[in-house]
Amino acid sequence: TLQTSLQTMVLQNSISSAGNLIGKSVQGMDDQNDTINGLVTSVRVESNQVMLELDSGKSLQLGRMTSISPGPTAAAGAGN
C-alpha cells in the first residue's frame, strides 16, 4: 500500500502542477515525436498520465512538454 500511496501523491502533485499551466502557452512532443504547441485550456488524467488539453484540439502529456511561455495578455488600455 505504500507504493500505491506514493503513486497517488505523485499523480496529485502532477495534476496540481499541470493546473498551474492553464492559460499558458506550451510546446512539446506528441507520441509520434512531432512538435505540438498551444494554449492550455484544461487538464485531465488518462491511464495515470496527466494530459494538457490545448486550444488547438490536441493533447500533450505533461512529461513530454519542452517549453512554457506566458499566455496572451489583454491589450493595453482594454476596458477604458
PDB file of N, CA and C in Angstrom:
ATOM      1  N   THR A   1       0.817  -1.206   0.000  1.00  0.00           N
ATOM      2  CA  THR A   1       0.000   0.000   0.000  1.00  0.00           C
ATOM      3  C   THR A   1       0.854   1.262   0.000  1.00  0.00           C
ATOM      4  N   LEU A   2       2.069   1.158   0.484  1.00  0.00           N
ATOM      5  CA  LEU A   2       2.949   2.329   0.482  1.00  0.00           C
ATOM      6  C   LEU A   2       3.232   2.781  -0.946  1.00  0.00           C
ATOM      7  N   GLN A   3       3.483   1.829  -1.832  1.00  0.00           N
ATOM      8  CA  GLN A   3       3.760   2.181  -3.222  1.00  0.00           C
ATOM      9  C   GLN A   3       2.544   2.853  -3.866  1.00  0.00           C
ATOM     10  N   THR A   4       1.358   2.328  -3.590  1.00  0.00           N
ATOM     11  CA  THR A   4       0.137   2.929  -4.129  1.00  0.00           C
ATOM     12  C   THR A   4      -0.054   4.336  -3.600  1.00  0.00           C
ATOM     13  N   SER A   5       0.218   4.537  -2.324  1.00  0.00           N
ATOM     14  CA  SER A   5       0.093   5.869  -1.729  1.00  0.00           C
ATOM     15  C   SER A   5       1.070   6.845  -2.362  1.00  0.00           C
ATOM     16  N   LEU A   6       2.299   6.409  -2.589  1.00  0.00           N
ATOM     17  CA  LEU A   6       3.296   7.278  -3.219  1.00  0.00           C
ATOM     18  C   LEU A   6       2.899   7.616  -4.659  1.00  0.00           C
ATOM     19  N   GLN A   7       2.388   6.633  -5.394  1.00  0.00           N
ATOM     20  CA  GLN A   7       1.951   6.886  -6.764  1.00  0.00           C
ATOM     21  C   GLN A   7       0.802   7.892  -6.784  1.00  0.00           C
ATOM     22  N   THR A   8      -0.105   7.778  -5.841  1.00  0.00           N
ATOM     23  CA  THR A   8      -1.222   8.702  -5.751  1.00  0.00           C
ATOM     24  C   THR A   8      -0.736  10.107  -5.448  1.00  0.00           C
ATOM     25  N   MET A   9       0.230  10.227  -4.539  1.00  0.00           N
ATOM     26  CA  MET A   9       0.785  11.540  -4.201  1.00  0.00           C
ATOM     27  C   MET A   9       1.484  12.172  -5.400  1.00  0.00           C
ATOM     28  N   VAL A  10       2.236  11.389  -6.150  1.00  0.00           N
ATOM     29  CA  VAL A  10       2.933  11.904  -7.340  1.00  0.00           C
ATOM     30  C   VAL A  10       1.918  12.368  -8.371  1.00  0.00           C
ATOM     31  N   LEU A  11       0.864  11.599  -8.585  1.00  0.00           N
ATOM     32  CA  LEU A  11      -0.167  11.972  -9.546  1.00  0.00           C
ATOM     33  C   LEU A  11      -0.864  13.263  -9.121  1.00  0.00           C
ATOM     34  N   GLN A  12      -1.199  13.380  -7.850  1.00  0.00           N
ATOM     35  CA  GLN A  12      -1.845  14.596  -7.354  1.00  0.00           C
ATOM     36  C   GLN A  12      -0.932  15.807  -7.526  1.00  0.00           C
ATOM     37  N   ASN A  13       0.364  15.635  -7.287  1.00  0.00           N
ATOM     38  CA  ASN A  13       1.317  16.724  -7.462  1.00  0.00           C
ATOM     39  C   ASN A  13       1.397  17.135  -8.933  1.00  0.00           C
ATOM     40  N   SER A  14       1.389  16.143  -9.823  1.00  0.00           N
ATOM     41  CA  SER A  14       1.438  16.429 -11.254  1.00  0.00           C
ATOM     42  C   SER A  14       0.183  17.170 -11.715  1.00  0.00           C
ATOM     43  N   ILE A  15      -0.977  16.763 -11.191  1.00  0.00           N
ATOM     44  CA  ILE A  15      -2.230  17.447 -11.541  1.00  0.00           C
ATOM     45  C   ILE A  15      -2.171  18.897 -11.082  1.00  0.00           C
ATOM     46  N   SER A  16      -1.667  19.118  -9.882  1.00  0.00           N
ATOM     47  CA  SER A  16      -1.552  20.474  -9.356  1.00  0.00           C
ATOM     48  C   SER A  16      -0.610  21.318 -10.220  1.00  0.00           C
ATOM     49  N   SER A  17       0.525  20.752 -10.590  1.00  0.00           N
ATOM     50  CA  SER A  17       1.479  21.467 -11.446  1.00  0.00           C
ATOM     51  C   SER A  17       0.858  21.778 -12.799  1.00  0.00           C
ATOM     52  N   ALA A  18       0.147  20.805 -13.363  1.00  0.00           N
ATOM     53  CA  ALA A  18      -0.488  21.000 -14.659  1.00  0.00           C
ATOM     54  C   ALA A  18      -1.576  22.066 -14.582  1.00  0.00           C
ATOM     55  N   GLY A  19      -2.314  22.092 -13.488  1.00  0.00           N
ATOM     56  CA  GLY A  19      -3.357  23.101 -13.310  1.00  0.00           C
ATOM     57  C   GLY A  19      -2.808  24.509 -13.356  1.00  0.00           C
ATOM     58  N   ASN A  20      -1.583  24.683 -12.882  1.00  0.00           N
ATOM     59  CA  ASN A  20      -0.947  26.000 -12.920  1.00  0.00           C
ATOM     60  C   ASN A  20      -0.576  26.425 -14.333  1.00  0.00           C
ATOM     61  N   LEU A  21      -0.641  25.499 -15.284  1.00  0.00           N
ATOM     62  CA  LEU A  21      -0.310  25.813 -16.675  1.00  0.00           C
ATOM     63  C   LEU A  21      -1.515  26.295 -17.481  1.00  0.00           C
ATOM     64  N   ILE A  22      -2.714  26.187 -16.918  1.00  0.00           N
ATOM     65  CA  ILE A  22      -3.902  26.638 -17.642  1.00  0.00           C
ATOM     66  C   ILE A  22      -3.755  28.128 -17.957  1.00  0.00           C
ATOM     67  N   GLY A  23      -3.959  28.459 -19.243  1.00  0.00           N
ATOM     68  CA  GLY A  23      -3.800  29.843 -19.701  1.00  0.00           C
ATOM     69  C   GLY A  23      -2.411  30.160 -20.210  1.00  0.00           C
ATOM     70  N   LYS A  24      -1.488  29.206 -20.120  1.00  0.00           N
ATOM     71  CA  LYS A  24      -0.122  29.419 -20.605  1.00  0.00           C
ATOM     72  C   LYS A  24       0.074  28.685 -21.932  1.00  0.00           C
ATOM     73  N   SER A  25       1.006  29.181 -22.734  1.00  0.00           N
ATOM     74  CA  SER A  25       1.362  28.524 -23.987  1.00  0.00           C
ATOM     75  C   SER A  25       2.443  27.494 -23.704  1.00  0.00           C
ATOM     76  N   VAL A  26       2.275  26.300 -24.255  1.00  0.00           N
ATOM     77  CA  VAL A  26       3.255  25.237 -24.054  1.00  0.00           C
ATOM     78  C   VAL A  26       3.632  24.627 -25.398  1.00  0.00           C
ATOM     79  N   GLN A  27       4.779  23.983 -25.389  1.00  0.00           N
ATOM     80  CA  GLN A  27       5.238  23.249 -26.571  1.00  0.00           C
ATOM     81  C   GLN A  27       5.785  21.929 -26.087  1.00  0.00           C
ATOM     82  N   GLY A  28       5.661  20.898 -26.917  1.00  0.00           N
ATOM     83  CA  GLY A  28       6.180  19.591 -26.550  1.00  0.00           C
ATOM     84  C   GLY A  28       6.119  18.636 -27.721  1.00  0.00           C
ATOM     85  N   MET A  29       6.328  17.367 -27.416  1.00  0.00           N
ATOM     86  CA  MET A  29       6.356  16.327 -28.435  1.00  0.00           C
ATOM     87  C   MET A  29       5.196  15.376 -28.218  1.00  0.00           C
ATOM     88  N   ASP A  30       4.499  15.048 -29.308  1.00  0.00           N
ATOM     89  CA  ASP A  30       3.414  14.069 -29.201  1.00  0.00           C
ATOM     90  C   ASP A  30       3.992  12.658 -29.263  1.00  0.00           C
ATOM     91  N   ASP A  31       3.126  11.661 -29.309  1.00  0.00           N
ATOM     92  CA  ASP A  31       3.570  10.262 -29.299  1.00  0.00           C
ATOM     93  C   ASP A  31       4.378   9.881 -30.534  1.00  0.00           C
ATOM     94  N   GLN A  32       4.219  10.643 -31.630  1.00  0.00           N
ATOM     95  CA  GLN A  32       4.985  10.377 -32.857  1.00  0.00           C
ATOM     96  C   GLN A  32       6.230  11.259 -32.941  1.00  0.00           C
ATOM     97  N   ASN A  33       6.551  11.936 -31.820  1.00  0.00           N
ATOM     98  CA  ASN A  33       7.693  12.854 -31.729  1.00  0.00           C
ATOM     99  C   ASN A  33       7.583  14.044 -32.661  1.00  0.00           C
ATOM    100  N   ASP A  34       6.343  14.436 -32.979  1.00  0.00           N
ATOM    101  CA  ASP A  34       6.100  15.664 -33.726  1.00  0.00           C
ATOM    102  C   ASP A  34       5.892  16.788 -32.715  1.00  0.00           C
ATOM    103  N   THR A  35       6.373  17.970 -33.054  1.00  0.00           N
ATOM    104  CA  THR A  35       6.213  19.122 -32.173  1.00  0.00           C
ATOM    105  C   THR A  35       4.778  19.623 -32.229  1.00  0.00           C
ATOM    106  N   ILE A  36       4.195  19.830 -31.058  1.00  0.00           N
ATOM    107  CA  ILE A  36       2.865  20.434 -30.969  1.00  0.00           C
ATOM    108  C   ILE A  36       2.940  21.582 -29.968  1.00  0.00           C
ATOM    109  N   ASN A  37       2.059  22.556 -30.155  1.00  0.00           N
ATOM    110  CA  ASN A  37       2.023  23.675 -29.214  1.00  0.00           C
ATOM    111  C   ASN A  37       0.609  24.221 -29.143  1.00  0.00           C
ATOM    112  N   GLY A  38       0.371  24.998 -28.127  1.00  0.00           N
ATOM    113  CA  GLY A  38      -0.932  25.611 -27.954  1.00  0.00           C
ATOM    114  C   GLY A  38      -1.106  26.166 -26.560  1.00  0.00           C
ATOM    115  N   LEU A  39      -2.246  26.756 -26.353  1.00  0.00           N
ATOM    116  CA  LEU A  39      -2.610  27.332 -25.064  1.00  0.00           C
ATOM    117  C   LEU A  39      -3.320  26.257 -24.251  1.00  0.00           C
ATOM    118  N   VAL A  40      -2.892  26.046 -23.013  1.00  0.00           N
ATOM    119  CA  VAL A  40      -3.506  25.029 -22.160  1.00  0.00           C
ATOM    120  C   VAL A  40      -4.885  25.520 -21.723  1.00  0.00           C
ATOM    121  N   THR A  41      -5.907  24.708 -22.030  1.00  0.00           N
ATOM    122  CA  THR A  41      -7.276  25.071 -21.663  1.00  0.00           C
ATOM    123  C   THR A  41      -7.813  24.243 -20.504  1.00  0.00           C
ATOM    124  N   SER A  42      -7.275  23.019 -20.343  1.00  0.00           N
ATOM    125  CA  SER A  42      -7.714  22.168 -19.241  1.00  0.00           C
ATOM    126  C   SER A  42      -6.716  21.035 -19.032  1.00  0.00           C
ATOM    127  N   VAL A  43      -6.955  20.283 -17.970  1.00  0.00           N
ATOM    128  CA  VAL A  43      -6.074  19.175 -17.586  1.00  0.00           C
ATOM    129  C   VAL A  43      -6.937  17.951 -17.339  1.00  0.00           C
ATOM    130  N   ARG A  44      -6.451  16.780 -17.743  1.00  0.00           N
ATOM    131  CA  ARG A  44      -7.171  15.542 -17.459  1.00  0.00           C
ATOM    132  C   ARG A  44      -6.162  14.433 -17.186  1.00  0.00           C
ATOM    133  N   VAL A  45      -6.654  13.354 -16.575  1.00  0.00           N
ATOM    134  CA  VAL A  45      -5.822  12.186 -16.304  1.00  0.00           C
ATOM    135  C   VAL A  45      -6.311  11.058 -17.191  1.00  0.00           C
ATOM    136  N   GLU A  46      -5.374  10.425 -17.889  1.00  0.00           N
ATOM    137  CA  GLU A  46      -5.685   9.300 -18.765  1.00  0.00           C
ATOM    138  C   GLU A  46      -4.641   8.216 -18.521  1.00  0.00           C
ATOM    139  N   SER A  47      -5.072   7.047 -18.085  1.00  0.00           N
ATOM    140  CA  SER A  47      -4.158   5.922 -17.804  1.00  0.00           C
ATOM    141  C   SER A  47      -3.008   6.348 -16.887  1.00  0.00           C
ATOM    142  N   ASN A  48      -3.353   7.052 -15.826  1.00  0.00           N
ATOM    143  CA  ASN A  48      -2.379   7.544 -14.838  1.00  0.00           C
ATOM    144  C   ASN A  48      -1.365   8.521 -15.412  1.00  0.00           C
ATOM    145  N   GLN A  49      -1.668   9.126 -16.549  1.00  0.00           N
ATOM    146  CA  GLN A  49      -0.817  10.154 -17.149  1.00  0.00           C
ATOM    147  C   GLN A  49      -1.583  11.473 -17.139  1.00  0.00           C
ATOM    148  N   VAL A  50      -0.903  12.551 -16.760  1.00  0.00           N
ATOM    149  CA  VAL A  50      -1.531  13.865 -16.763  1.00  0.00           C
ATOM    150  C   VAL A  50      -1.403  14.451 -18.170  1.00  0.00           C
ATOM    151  N   MET A  51      -2.542  14.811 -18.736  1.00  0.00           N
ATOM    152  CA  MET A  51      -2.597  15.339 -20.092  1.00  0.00           C
ATOM    153  C   MET A  51      -3.037  16.794 -20.071  1.00  0.00           C
ATOM    154  N   LEU A  52      -2.376  17.608 -20.878  1.00  0.00           N
ATOM    155  CA  LEU A  52      -2.753  19.007 -21.060  1.00  0.00           C
ATOM    156  C   LEU A  52      -3.618  19.091 -22.312  1.00  0.00           C
ATOM    157  N   GLU A  53      -4.801  19.650 -22.187  1.00  0.00           N
ATOM    158  CA  GLU A  53      -5.672  19.864 -23.341  1.00  0.00           C
ATOM    159  C   GLU A  53      -5.354  21.246 -23.897  1.00  0.00           C
ATOM    160  N   LEU A  54      -5.078  21.310 -25.201  1.00  0.00           N
ATOM    161  CA  LEU A  54      -4.660  22.558 -25.833  1.00  0.00           C
ATOM    162  C   LEU A  54      -5.778  23.158 -26.668  1.00  0.00           C
ATOM    163  N   ASP A  55      -5.709  24.480 -26.877  1.00  0.00           N
ATOM    164  CA  ASP A  55      -6.722  25.157 -27.675  1.00  0.00           C
ATOM    165  C   ASP A  55      -6.690  24.719 -29.138  1.00  0.00           C
ATOM    166  N   SER A  56      -5.637  24.033 -29.542  1.00  0.00           N
ATOM    167  CA  SER A  56      -5.533  23.513 -30.905  1.00  0.00           C
ATOM    168  C   SER A  56      -6.336  22.229 -31.075  1.00  0.00           C
ATOM    169  N   GLY A  57      -6.917  21.711 -29.971  1.00  0.00           N
ATOM    170  CA  GLY A  57      -7.657  20.468 -30.017  1.00  0.00           C
ATOM    171  C   GLY A  57      -6.790  19.248 -29.755  1.00  0.00           C
ATOM    172  N   LYS A  58      -5.500  19.452 -29.576  1.00  0.00           N
ATOM    173  CA  LYS A  58      -4.587  18.344 -29.312  1.00  0.00           C
ATOM    174  C   LYS A  58      -4.352  18.204 -27.814  1.00  0.00           C
ATOM    175  N   SER A  59      -3.797  17.062 -27.429  1.00  0.00           N
ATOM    176  CA  SER A  59      -3.434  16.791 -26.038  1.00  0.00           C
ATOM    177  C   SER A  59      -1.935  16.590 -25.963  1.00  0.00           C
ATOM    178  N   LEU A  60      -1.340  17.052 -24.877  1.00  0.00           N
ATOM    179  CA  LEU A  60       0.094  16.916 -24.658  1.00  0.00           C
ATOM    180  C   LEU A  60       0.315  16.298 -23.291  1.00  0.00           C
ATOM    181  N   GLN A  61       1.077  15.216 -23.247  1.00  0.00           N
ATOM    182  CA  GLN A  61       1.401  14.589 -21.973  1.00  0.00           C
ATOM    183  C   GLN A  61       2.328  15.530 -21.202  1.00  0.00           C
ATOM    184  N   LEU A  62       2.037  15.744 -19.929  1.00  0.00           N
ATOM    185  CA  LEU A  62       2.812  16.676 -19.109  1.00  0.00           C
ATOM    186  C   LEU A  62       4.306  16.377 -19.169  1.00  0.00           C
ATOM    187  N   GLY A  63       4.675  15.121 -19.118  1.00  0.00           N
ATOM    188  CA  GLY A  63       6.083  14.740 -19.125  1.00  0.00           C
ATOM    189  C   GLY A  63       6.784  14.941 -20.458  1.00  0.00           C
ATOM    190  N   ARG A  64       6.036  15.247 -21.521  1.00  0.00           N
ATOM    191  CA  ARG A  64       6.630  15.458 -22.844  1.00  0.00           C
ATOM    192  C   ARG A  64       6.653  16.934 -23.235  1.00  0.00           C
ATOM    193  N   MET A  65       6.368  17.798 -22.275  1.00  0.00           N
ATOM    194  CA  MET A  65       6.394  19.236 -22.508  1.00  0.00           C
ATOM    195  C   MET A  65       7.843  19.707 -22.539  1.00  0.00           C
ATOM    196  N   THR A  66       8.164  20.598 -23.495  1.00  0.00           N
ATOM    197  CA  THR A  66       9.536  21.084 -23.623  1.00  0.00           C
ATOM    198  C   THR A  66       9.694  22.570 -23.319  1.00  0.00           C
ATOM    199  N   SER A  67       8.603  23.340 -23.382  1.00  0.00           N
ATOM    200  CA  SER A  67       8.713  24.760 -23.051  1.00  0.00           C
ATOM    201  C   SER A  67       7.370  25.312 -22.597  1.00  0.00           C
ATOM    202  N   ILE A  68       7.465  26.375 -21.811  1.00  0.00           N
ATOM    203  CA  ILE A  68       6.291  27.081 -21.285  1.00  0.00           C
ATOM    204  C   ILE A  68       6.526  28.563 -21.495  1.00  0.00           C
ATOM    205  N   SER A  69       5.501  29.284 -21.930  1.00  0.00           N
ATOM    206  CA  SER A  69       5.609  30.732 -22.021  1.00  0.00           C
ATOM    207  C   SER A  69       4.287  31.352 -21.573  1.00  0.00           C
ATOM    208  N   PRO A  70       4.324  32.619 -21.186  1.00  0.00           N
ATOM    209  CA  PRO A  70       3.082  33.260 -20.737  1.00  0.00           C
ATOM    210  C   PRO A  70       2.038  33.232 -21.846  1.00  0.00           C
ATOM    211  N   GLY A  71       0.793  33.121 -21.468  1.00  0.00           N
ATOM    212  CA  GLY A  71      -0.291  33.152 -22.442  1.00  0.00           C
ATOM    213  C   GLY A  71      -0.517  34.565 -22.915  1.00  0.00           C
ATOM    214  N   PRO A  72      -1.477  34.742 -23.798  1.00  0.00           N
ATOM    215  CA  PRO A  72      -1.775  36.092 -24.298  1.00  0.00           C
ATOM    216  C   PRO A  72      -2.277  36.973 -23.161  1.00  0.00           C
ATOM    217  N   THR A  73      -1.980  38.229 -23.257  1.00  0.00           N
ATOM    218  CA  THR A  73      -2.432  39.189 -22.238  1.00  0.00           C
ATOM    219  C   THR A  73      -3.420  40.153 -22.868  1.00  0.00           C
ATOM    220  N   ALA A  74      -4.211  40.761 -22.027  1.00  0.00           N
ATOM    221  CA  ALA A  74      -5.185  41.739 -22.518  1.00  0.00           C
ATOM    222  C   ALA A  74      -4.449  42.929 -23.129  1.00  0.00           C
ATOM    223  N   ALA A  75      -5.000  43.487 -24.157  1.00  0.00           N
ATOM    224  CA  ALA A  75      -4.387  44.649 -24.813  1.00  0.00           C
ATOM    225  C   ALA A  75      -4.323  45.808 -23.838  1.00  0.00           C
ATOM    226  N   ALA A  76      -3.263  46.576 -23.939  1.00  0.00           N
ATOM    227  CA  ALA A  76      -3.096  47.746 -23.056  1.00  0.00           C
ATOM    228  C   ALA A  76      -4.272  48.692 -23.233  1.00  0.00           C
ATOM    229  N   GLY A  77      -4.832  49.110 -22.138  1.00  0.00           N
ATOM    230  CA  GLY A  77      -5.925  50.062 -22.180  1.00  0.00           C
ATOM    231  C   GLY A  77      -7.276  49.417 -22.408  1.00  0.00           C
ATOM    232  N   ALA A  78      -7.343  48.108 -22.457  1.00  0.00           N
ATOM    233  CA  ALA A  78      -8.623  47.450 -22.680  1.00  0.00           C
ATOM    234  C   ALA A  78      -9.576  47.771 -21.540  1.00  0.00           C
ATOM    235  N   GLY A  79     -10.807  48.022 -21.873  1.00  0.00           N
ATOM    236  CA  GLY A  79     -11.813  48.314 -20.861  1.00  0.00           C
ATOM    237  C   GLY A  79     -11.859  49.760 -20.437  1.00  0.00           C
ATOM    238  N   ASN A  80     -11.083  50.591 -21.065  1.00  0.00           N
ATOM    239  CA  ASN A  80     -11.097  52.030 -20.725  1.00  0.00           C
ATOM    240  C   ASN A  80     -11.984  52.792 -21.663  1.00  0.00           C
TER     241      ASN A  80
END
